[in-house]
Amino acid sequence: MIEQSYKSYLVRLWKEGPTSTGESIWHIELESVQTAHRRQFPDLCSMLQYLEKELDDPEPNKPNPDEDPSCFS
């Protein structure tokens, strides 16, 4: 029998600023719909790494964010 699982997340992105240096800062938060657990990330790459581990199903041909910090190259 094949076990089915389902995960759903809400991604929140918001911008604050400008700071004293004139820069705006983006914030990223991921919330599990099933558990309401929230987790914040410093950047999109970190969020994608977390999701990859959560899903435990990394794509073999997908670029590794550790090797490519841009995650989107």
Protein backbone atom coordinates (compact mmCIF):
# COMPACT_ATOMS: atom_id res chain seq x y z
CA MET A 1 0.00 0.00 0.00
CA ILE A 2 1.32 3.44 -0.92
CA GLU A 3 1.34 5.95 1.90
CA GLN A 4 0.08 9.35 0.87
CA SER A 5 1.07 12.48 2.65
CA TYR A 6 0.12 16.07 2.17
CA LYS A 7 1.91 19.22 3.24
CA SER A 8 0.69 22.73 2.72
CA TYR A 9 2.51 25.94 3.52
CA LEU A 10 1.70 29.60 3.51
CA VAL A 11 4.59 31.85 2.50
CA ARG A 12 4.59 35.42 3.75
CA LEU A 13 6.93 38.06 2.35
CA TRP A 14 7.04 41.62 3.63
CA LYS A 15 9.34 44.56 3.26
CA GLU A 16 10.44 46.91 6.03
CA GLY A 17 12.45 50.03 5.69
CA PRO A 18 14.14 52.05 4.73
CA THR A 19 16.69 51.51 7.50
CA SER A 20 19.12 54.16 8.73
CA THR A 21 21.36 53.21 5.79
CA GLY A 22 18.48 53.72 3.36
CA GLU A 23 18.03 50.03 2.57
CA SER A 24 14.79 48.08 2.74
CA ILE A 25 14.78 44.61 4.30
CA TRP A 26 12.69 41.70 3.06
CA HIS A 27 11.35 39.21 5.62
CA ILE A 28 10.30 35.66 4.77
CA GLU A 29 8.05 33.45 6.88
CA LEU A 30 6.77 29.96 6.21
CA GLU A 31 3.76 28.60 8.08
CA SER A 32 2.62 25.00 8.06
CA VAL A 33 -1.11 24.90 7.44
CA GLN A 34 -1.39 21.57 9.28
CA THR A 35 0.48 22.55 12.46
CA ALA A 36 0.45 26.39 12.39
CA HIS A 37 4.21 26.23 13.09
CA ARG A 38 5.92 29.36 11.78
CA ARG A 39 9.53 29.71 10.79
CA GLN A 40 11.36 32.77 9.51
CA PHE A 41 14.24 32.75 7.04
CA PRO A 42 16.93 35.27 6.15
CA ASP A 43 16.58 34.58 2.41
CA LEU A 44 14.77 32.48 -0.18
CA CYS A 45 17.62 29.98 -0.49
CA SER A 46 17.33 29.13 3.20
CA MET A 47 13.59 28.60 2.87
CA LEU A 48 14.06 26.33 -0.15
CA GLN A 49 16.70 24.28 1.67
CA TYR A 50 14.33 23.85 4.61
CA LEU A 51 11.47 22.74 2.34
CA GLU A 52 13.71 20.29 0.53
CA LYS A 53 14.62 18.66 3.86
CA GLU A 54 10.99 18.68 5.00
CA LEU A 55 9.86 16.95 1.85
CA ASP A 56 12.74 14.49 2.03
CA ASP A 57 12.58 14.20 -1.73
CA PRO A 58 15.38 16.29 -3.20
CA GLU A 59 15.50 16.40 -6.96
CA PRO A 60 18.77 14.85 -8.16
CA ASN A 61 19.28 17.33 -11.00
CA LYS A 62 18.35 20.44 -9.04
CA PRO A 63 21.22 22.86 -8.25
CA ASN A 64 22.50 22.55 -4.71
CA PRO A 65 21.99 25.87 -2.86
CA ASP A 66 25.19 25.17 -0.88
CA GLU A 67 27.14 25.15 -4.12
CA ASP A 68 25.18 27.97 -5.75
CA PRO A 69 24.15 30.64 -3.22
CA SER A 70 21.87 32.34 -5.73
CA CYS A 71 19.63 29.21 -5.85
CA PHE A 72 18.24 30.47 -9.13
CA SER A 73 21.12 30.26 -11.57
